[in-house]
Amino acid sequence: MTRIMMVNREYLLEYSDTLDGNVLTYGPYYDIIRGLCAYFEAHTVFDLSLALNYLDPALTDTLIELDGMSIHEDVSHSEINDYLEDLSGIRNSENEKQELYRRLEVAERDNDFELQIKLTQELVELNRTYKM
């Protein structure tokens, strides 16, 4: 996703609000996206040497690595939307899963068997939905 945004200014600007820390949980990629947003405010075409000026120097190797990746650049809006939706769903479901585990622990401590069964069923369904 980050590589696609490097080579397609329009996509980056269109999806920049969607690409937050909840979707791009790998910090360097999130920081690169933020830097690319600033870069593309001043430039219309990606140039690695210029883009590096908009990033923390610690991200240089990561950006160079991304720039060297071979990708299929003809990506549709639909594919990006699906990918972001999947990422968001997975991230949100992971948070939901952790909350269910926390509530299950409380139910076990309280010997609330009915709630334990209900929460276990919710976990099974969540795992089935996202195949985690």
N, C-alpha and C. Protein backbone atom coordinates (compact mmCIF):
# COMPACT_ATOMS: atom_id res chain seq x y z
N MET A 1 0.83 -1.19 0.00
CA MET A 1 0.00 0.00 0.00
C MET A 1 0.88 1.26 0.00
N THR A 2 1.88 1.27 0.84
CA THR A 2 2.75 2.45 0.91
C THR A 2 3.43 2.70 -0.43
N ARG A 3 3.89 1.64 -1.07
CA ARG A 3 4.56 1.77 -2.37
C ARG A 3 3.61 2.33 -3.41
N ILE A 4 2.37 1.91 -3.41
CA ILE A 4 1.38 2.42 -4.36
C ILE A 4 1.19 3.93 -4.15
N MET A 5 1.16 4.36 -2.91
CA MET A 5 0.97 5.77 -2.61
C MET A 5 2.19 6.60 -3.03
N MET A 6 3.37 5.97 -3.06
CA MET A 6 4.58 6.68 -3.48
C MET A 6 4.51 7.04 -4.96
N VAL A 7 3.95 6.17 -5.76
CA VAL A 7 3.97 6.38 -7.21
C VAL A 7 2.67 7.00 -7.74
N ASN A 8 1.68 7.16 -6.89
CA ASN A 8 0.42 7.69 -7.35
C ASN A 8 -0.05 8.81 -6.41
N ARG A 9 0.34 10.01 -6.75
CA ARG A 9 0.03 11.19 -5.94
C ARG A 9 -1.47 11.33 -5.68
N GLU A 10 -2.27 11.10 -6.71
CA GLU A 10 -3.72 11.27 -6.57
C GLU A 10 -4.29 10.32 -5.53
N TYR A 11 -3.84 9.07 -5.55
CA TYR A 11 -4.31 8.11 -4.55
C TYR A 11 -3.88 8.53 -3.15
N LEU A 12 -2.64 8.98 -3.02
CA LEU A 12 -2.16 9.38 -1.71
C LEU A 12 -3.02 10.51 -1.16
N LEU A 13 -3.23 11.53 -1.97
CA LEU A 13 -4.02 12.67 -1.50
C LEU A 13 -5.46 12.26 -1.21
N GLU A 14 -6.00 11.37 -2.03
CA GLU A 14 -7.39 10.92 -1.83
C GLU A 14 -7.55 10.11 -0.55
N TYR A 15 -6.57 9.24 -0.26
CA TYR A 15 -6.70 8.32 0.86
C TYR A 15 -5.91 8.74 2.10
N SER A 16 -5.28 9.89 2.07
CA SER A 16 -4.41 10.29 3.18
C SER A 16 -5.14 10.32 4.52
N ASP A 17 -6.39 10.74 4.53
CA ASP A 17 -7.15 10.78 5.79
C ASP A 17 -7.47 9.38 6.30
N THR A 18 -7.57 8.43 5.40
CA THR A 18 -7.89 7.05 5.76
C THR A 18 -6.67 6.31 6.29
N LEU A 19 -5.49 6.71 5.84
CA LEU A 19 -4.25 6.01 6.20
C LEU A 19 -3.72 6.54 7.53
N ASP A 20 -4.42 6.19 8.58
CA ASP A 20 -4.00 6.64 9.91
C ASP A 20 -3.27 5.53 10.66
N GLY A 21 -2.93 5.81 11.89
CA GLY A 21 -2.18 4.86 12.70
C GLY A 21 -2.93 3.58 13.02
N ASN A 22 -4.25 3.59 12.88
CA ASN A 22 -5.03 2.37 13.12
C ASN A 22 -4.98 1.43 11.92
N VAL A 23 -4.73 1.98 10.73
CA VAL A 23 -4.64 1.17 9.52
C VAL A 23 -3.19 0.80 9.26
N LEU A 24 -2.32 1.79 9.26
CA LEU A 24 -0.89 1.55 9.05
C LEU A 24 -0.22 1.44 10.42
N THR A 25 -0.30 0.30 11.00
CA THR A 25 0.22 0.13 12.36
C THR A 25 1.73 -0.05 12.41
N TYR A 26 2.37 -0.27 11.26
CA TYR A 26 3.82 -0.34 11.23
C TYR A 26 4.32 1.10 11.16
N GLY A 27 4.87 1.59 12.27
CA GLY A 27 5.25 2.99 12.43
C GLY A 27 6.02 3.61 11.28
N PRO A 28 7.08 2.95 10.77
CA PRO A 28 7.82 3.57 9.67
C PRO A 28 6.95 3.84 8.44
N TYR A 29 6.05 2.94 8.10
CA TYR A 29 5.19 3.16 6.93
C TYR A 29 4.23 4.33 7.19
N TYR A 30 3.71 4.40 8.39
CA TYR A 30 2.83 5.52 8.73
C TYR A 30 3.60 6.84 8.62
N ASP A 31 4.82 6.88 9.16
CA ASP A 31 5.63 8.10 9.09
C ASP A 31 5.99 8.45 7.65
N ILE A 32 6.24 7.45 6.84
CA ILE A 32 6.54 7.70 5.42
C ILE A 32 5.32 8.28 4.72
N ILE A 33 4.15 7.75 4.99
CA ILE A 33 2.92 8.29 4.38
C ILE A 33 2.74 9.74 4.77
N ARG A 34 2.95 10.07 6.03
CA ARG A 34 2.82 11.47 6.47
C ARG A 34 3.83 12.35 5.74
N GLY A 35 5.07 11.88 5.61
CA GLY A 35 6.09 12.64 4.88
C GLY A 35 5.74 12.79 3.41
N LEU A 36 5.19 11.75 2.81
CA LEU A 36 4.80 11.82 1.40
C LEU A 36 3.66 12.80 1.19
N CYS A 37 2.78 12.91 2.15
CA CYS A 37 1.70 13.89 2.05
C CYS A 37 2.29 15.30 1.94
N ALA A 38 3.26 15.59 2.80
CA ALA A 38 3.93 16.90 2.75
C ALA A 38 4.69 17.06 1.44
N TYR A 39 5.37 16.02 1.01
CA TYR A 39 6.13 16.05 -0.24
C TYR A 39 5.21 16.36 -1.42
N PHE A 40 4.08 15.66 -1.50
CA PHE A 40 3.19 15.83 -2.64
C PHE A 40 2.39 17.13 -2.60
N GLU A 41 2.45 17.86 -1.51
CA GLU A 41 1.86 19.19 -1.51
C GLU A 41 2.70 20.15 -2.37
N ALA A 42 4.00 19.85 -2.46
CA ALA A 42 4.91 20.70 -3.22
C ALA A 42 5.32 20.11 -4.57
N HIS A 43 5.14 18.80 -4.76
CA HIS A 43 5.60 18.13 -5.97
C HIS A 43 4.48 17.27 -6.56
N THR A 44 4.55 17.07 -7.87
CA THR A 44 3.50 16.26 -8.51
C THR A 44 3.97 14.86 -8.87
N VAL A 45 5.28 14.64 -8.96
CA VAL A 45 5.84 13.35 -9.33
C VAL A 45 6.83 12.92 -8.26
N PHE A 46 6.84 11.62 -7.95
CA PHE A 46 7.74 11.12 -6.92
C PHE A 46 9.18 11.11 -7.40
N ASP A 47 10.05 11.69 -6.59
CA ASP A 47 11.49 11.65 -6.84
C ASP A 47 12.13 11.29 -5.50
N LEU A 48 12.80 10.15 -5.47
CA LEU A 48 13.35 9.63 -4.23
C LEU A 48 14.25 10.64 -3.52
N SER A 49 15.17 11.25 -4.25
CA SER A 49 16.12 12.16 -3.60
C SER A 49 15.43 13.37 -2.99
N LEU A 50 14.39 13.87 -3.64
CA LEU A 50 13.64 15.00 -3.07
C LEU A 50 12.76 14.56 -1.90
N ALA A 51 12.15 13.39 -2.04
CA ALA A 51 11.24 12.90 -0.99
C ALA A 51 11.98 12.67 0.32
N LEU A 52 13.24 12.27 0.24
CA LEU A 52 14.01 12.03 1.46
C LEU A 52 14.12 13.27 2.33
N ASN A 53 14.01 14.44 1.73
CA ASN A 53 14.07 15.70 2.49
C ASN A 53 12.85 15.90 3.38
N TYR A 54 11.80 15.15 3.13
CA TYR A 54 10.56 15.30 3.88
C TYR A 54 10.41 14.26 4.99
N LEU A 55 11.43 13.44 5.17
CA LEU A 55 11.34 12.34 6.12
C LEU A 55 12.45 12.42 7.16
N ASP A 56 12.19 11.80 8.27
CA ASP A 56 13.21 11.60 9.28
C ASP A 56 14.33 10.78 8.64
N PRO A 57 15.58 11.18 8.81
CA PRO A 57 16.69 10.42 8.20
C PRO A 57 16.70 8.93 8.60
N ALA A 58 16.12 8.60 9.72
CA ALA A 58 16.07 7.20 10.14
C ALA A 58 15.21 6.36 9.20
N LEU A 59 14.39 7.01 8.38
CA LEU A 59 13.50 6.29 7.46
C LEU A 59 14.09 6.15 6.06
N THR A 60 15.29 6.67 5.86
CA THR A 60 15.91 6.64 4.53
C THR A 60 15.99 5.23 3.95
N ASP A 61 16.52 4.29 4.72
CA ASP A 61 16.66 2.92 4.22
C ASP A 61 15.31 2.30 3.88
N THR A 62 14.31 2.57 4.70
CA THR A 62 12.97 2.02 4.45
C THR A 62 12.39 2.58 3.16
N LEU A 63 12.54 3.90 2.95
CA LEU A 63 12.01 4.50 1.74
C LEU A 63 12.75 3.98 0.51
N ILE A 64 14.05 3.84 0.60
CA ILE A 64 14.84 3.32 -0.52
C ILE A 64 14.40 1.88 -0.83
N GLU A 65 14.18 1.10 0.21
CA GLU A 65 13.71 -0.28 0.02
C GLU A 65 12.35 -0.31 -0.67
N LEU A 66 11.44 0.55 -0.21
CA LEU A 66 10.12 0.63 -0.84
C LEU A 66 10.23 1.07 -2.30
N ASP A 67 11.10 2.02 -2.56
CA ASP A 67 11.26 2.52 -3.92
C ASP A 67 11.75 1.42 -4.86
N GLY A 68 12.51 0.48 -4.34
CA GLY A 68 13.02 -0.60 -5.16
C GLY A 68 12.07 -1.75 -5.36
N MET A 69 10.94 -1.73 -4.67
CA MET A 69 9.96 -2.81 -4.81
C MET A 69 9.27 -2.75 -6.16
N SER A 70 9.10 -3.91 -6.74
CA SER A 70 8.36 -4.03 -7.99
C SER A 70 6.91 -4.31 -7.65
N ILE A 71 6.02 -3.45 -8.13
CA ILE A 71 4.59 -3.64 -7.85
C ILE A 71 3.80 -3.47 -9.13
N HIS A 72 2.60 -3.96 -9.08
CA HIS A 72 1.63 -3.74 -10.15
C HIS A 72 1.01 -2.36 -9.87
N GLU A 73 1.39 -1.36 -10.66
CA GLU A 73 0.98 0.01 -10.37
C GLU A 73 -0.42 0.35 -10.85
N ASP A 74 -1.02 -0.49 -11.67
CA ASP A 74 -2.35 -0.23 -12.20
C ASP A 74 -3.39 -0.77 -11.23
N VAL A 75 -3.52 -0.09 -10.12
CA VAL A 75 -4.43 -0.51 -9.06
C VAL A 75 -5.68 0.36 -9.11
N SER A 76 -6.82 -0.26 -8.96
CA SER A 76 -8.09 0.48 -9.03
C SER A 76 -8.49 1.00 -7.66
N HIS A 77 -9.40 1.96 -7.68
CA HIS A 77 -9.97 2.48 -6.43
C HIS A 77 -10.62 1.35 -5.65
N SER A 78 -11.28 0.49 -6.36
CA SER A 78 -11.97 -0.63 -5.73
C SER A 78 -10.99 -1.52 -4.97
N GLU A 79 -9.84 -1.81 -5.57
CA GLU A 79 -8.84 -2.65 -4.91
C GLU A 79 -8.28 -1.97 -3.67
N ILE A 80 -8.02 -0.68 -3.77
CA ILE A 80 -7.51 0.06 -2.60
C ILE A 80 -8.57 0.09 -1.51
N ASN A 81 -9.81 0.38 -1.88
CA ASN A 81 -10.88 0.41 -0.88
C ASN A 81 -11.02 -0.94 -0.19
N ASP A 82 -10.99 -2.02 -0.96
CA ASP A 82 -11.09 -3.36 -0.38
C ASP A 82 -9.93 -3.62 0.58
N TYR A 83 -8.73 -3.27 0.17
CA TYR A 83 -7.56 -3.49 1.01
C TYR A 83 -7.65 -2.70 2.31
N LEU A 84 -8.02 -1.43 2.21
CA LEU A 84 -8.13 -0.60 3.41
C LEU A 84 -9.26 -1.09 4.31
N GLU A 85 -10.34 -1.53 3.69
CA GLU A 85 -11.45 -2.06 4.47
C GLU A 85 -11.02 -3.32 5.22
N ASP A 86 -10.28 -4.18 4.53
CA ASP A 86 -9.77 -5.40 5.18
C ASP A 86 -8.84 -5.05 6.33
N LEU A 87 -7.91 -4.12 6.07
CA LEU A 87 -6.97 -3.73 7.13
C LEU A 87 -7.72 -3.15 8.32
N SER A 88 -8.65 -2.24 8.05
CA SER A 88 -9.41 -1.62 9.13
C SER A 88 -10.21 -2.66 9.89
N GLY A 89 -10.84 -3.57 9.16
CA GLY A 89 -11.63 -4.62 9.81
C GLY A 89 -10.77 -5.51 10.67
N ILE A 90 -9.60 -5.88 10.15
CA ILE A 90 -8.71 -6.75 10.91
C ILE A 90 -8.23 -6.04 12.16
N ARG A 91 -7.82 -4.79 12.02
CA ARG A 91 -7.33 -4.03 13.19
C ARG A 91 -8.44 -3.87 14.22
N ASN A 92 -9.65 -3.49 13.73
CA ASN A 92 -10.75 -3.30 14.66
C ASN A 92 -11.16 -4.61 15.31
N SER A 93 -11.12 -5.71 14.54
CA SER A 93 -11.50 -6.99 15.11
C SER A 93 -10.48 -7.45 16.14
N GLU A 94 -9.22 -7.12 15.93
CA GLU A 94 -8.19 -7.48 16.92
C GLU A 94 -8.46 -6.75 18.24
N ASN A 95 -8.83 -5.48 18.16
CA ASN A 95 -9.19 -4.73 19.36
C ASN A 95 -10.42 -5.34 20.03
N GLU A 96 -11.40 -5.70 19.22
CA GLU A 96 -12.62 -6.32 19.74
C GLU A 96 -12.30 -7.66 20.39
N LYS A 97 -11.41 -8.41 19.76
CA LYS A 97 -11.01 -9.72 20.28
C LYS A 97 -10.34 -9.57 21.66
N GLN A 98 -9.46 -8.60 21.78
CA GLN A 98 -8.79 -8.37 23.06
C GLN A 98 -9.79 -7.98 24.15
N GLU A 99 -10.77 -7.18 23.78
CA GLU A 99 -11.80 -6.78 24.74
C GLU A 99 -12.64 -8.00 25.16
N LEU A 100 -12.96 -8.87 24.22
CA LEU A 100 -13.72 -10.08 24.55
C LEU A 100 -12.91 -10.98 25.49
N TYR A 101 -11.62 -11.12 25.24
CA TYR A 101 -10.77 -11.91 26.14
C TYR A 101 -10.75 -11.32 27.55
N ARG A 102 -10.67 -10.00 27.62
CA ARG A 102 -10.67 -9.33 28.93
C ARG A 102 -11.98 -9.59 29.66
N ARG A 103 -13.10 -9.46 28.94
CA ARG A 103 -14.41 -9.69 29.55
C ARG A 103 -14.58 -11.15 29.94
N LEU A 104 -14.02 -12.07 29.15
CA LEU A 104 -14.09 -13.50 29.46
C LEU A 104 -13.34 -13.81 30.76
N GLU A 105 -12.19 -13.18 30.95
CA GLU A 105 -11.44 -13.37 32.19
C GLU A 105 -12.26 -12.93 33.41
N VAL A 106 -12.93 -11.80 33.27
CA VAL A 106 -13.78 -11.30 34.37
C VAL A 106 -14.92 -12.27 34.63
N ALA A 107 -15.55 -12.76 33.56
CA ALA A 107 -16.66 -13.71 33.70
C ALA A 107 -16.19 -14.99 34.37
N GLU A 108 -14.97 -15.44 34.04
CA GLU A 108 -14.43 -16.65 34.67
C GLU A 108 -14.17 -16.41 36.16
N ARG A 109 -13.63 -15.26 36.50
CA ARG A 109 -13.39 -14.94 37.91
C ARG A 109 -14.70 -14.87 38.70
N ASP A 110 -15.75 -14.36 38.02
CA ASP A 110 -17.05 -14.21 38.67
C ASP A 110 -17.90 -15.48 38.60
N ASN A 111 -17.35 -16.54 37.97
CA ASN A 111 -18.08 -17.79 37.77
C ASN A 111 -19.42 -17.58 37.07
N ASP A 112 -19.43 -16.66 36.11
CA ASP A 112 -20.63 -16.38 35.33
C ASP A 112 -20.59 -17.25 34.07
N PHE A 113 -21.11 -18.47 34.19
CA PHE A 113 -21.02 -19.43 33.10
C PHE A 113 -21.82 -19.01 31.86
N GLU A 114 -22.95 -18.41 32.08
CA GLU A 114 -23.77 -17.97 30.96
C GLU A 114 -23.02 -16.92 30.12
N LEU A 115 -22.40 -15.96 30.79
CA LEU A 115 -21.64 -14.94 30.09
C LEU A 115 -20.40 -15.54 29.42
N GLN A 116 -19.78 -16.53 30.07
CA GLN A 116 -18.62 -17.20 29.47
C GLN A 116 -19.00 -17.85 28.14
N ILE A 117 -20.13 -18.51 28.11
CA ILE A 117 -20.60 -19.17 26.89
C ILE A 117 -20.86 -18.13 25.80
N LYS A 118 -21.55 -17.06 26.17
CA LYS A 118 -21.87 -16.00 25.21
C LYS A 118 -20.59 -15.39 24.64
N LEU A 119 -19.63 -15.05 25.49
CA LEU A 119 -18.39 -14.43 25.03
C LEU A 119 -17.55 -15.38 24.19
N THR A 120 -17.55 -16.64 24.55
CA THR A 120 -16.82 -17.65 23.76
C THR A 120 -17.42 -17.78 22.37
N GLN A 121 -18.74 -17.76 22.30
CA GLN A 121 -19.40 -17.82 20.99
C GLN A 121 -19.05 -16.59 20.15
N GLU A 122 -18.99 -15.42 20.77
CA GLU A 122 -18.62 -14.21 20.05
C GLU A 122 -17.19 -14.30 19.53
N LEU A 123 -16.29 -14.86 20.35
CA LEU A 123 -14.90 -15.03 19.93
C LEU A 123 -14.79 -15.99 18.75
N VAL A 124 -15.52 -17.09 18.81
CA VAL A 124 -15.50 -18.07 17.72
C VAL A 124 -15.99 -17.40 16.44
N GLU A 125 -17.06 -16.66 16.52
CA GLU A 125 -17.61 -15.99 15.33
C GLU A 125 -16.63 -14.94 14.79
N LEU A 126 -16.01 -14.19 15.67
CA LEU A 126 -15.04 -13.19 15.25
C LEU A 126 -13.85 -13.85 14.56
N ASN A 127 -13.38 -14.94 15.14
CA ASN A 127 -12.26 -15.67 14.53
C ASN A 127 -12.65 -16.26 13.18
N ARG A 128 -13.86 -16.73 13.07
CA ARG A 128 -14.34 -17.30 11.81
C ARG A 128 -14.45 -16.20 10.75
N THR A 129 -14.94 -15.04 11.13
CA THR A 129 -15.12 -13.94 10.20
C THR A 129 -13.79 -13.46 9.64
N TYR A 130 -12.79 -13.32 10.53
CA TYR A 130 -11.51 -12.76 10.09
C TYR A 130 -10.41 -13.80 9.97
N LYS A 131 -10.76 -15.07 10.20
CA LYS A 131 -9.81 -16.18 10.07
C LYS A 131 -8.49 -15.85 10.76
N MET A 132 -8.59 -15.50 12.03
CA MET A 132 -7.40 -15.10 12.79
C MET A 132 -6.91 -16.25 13.63
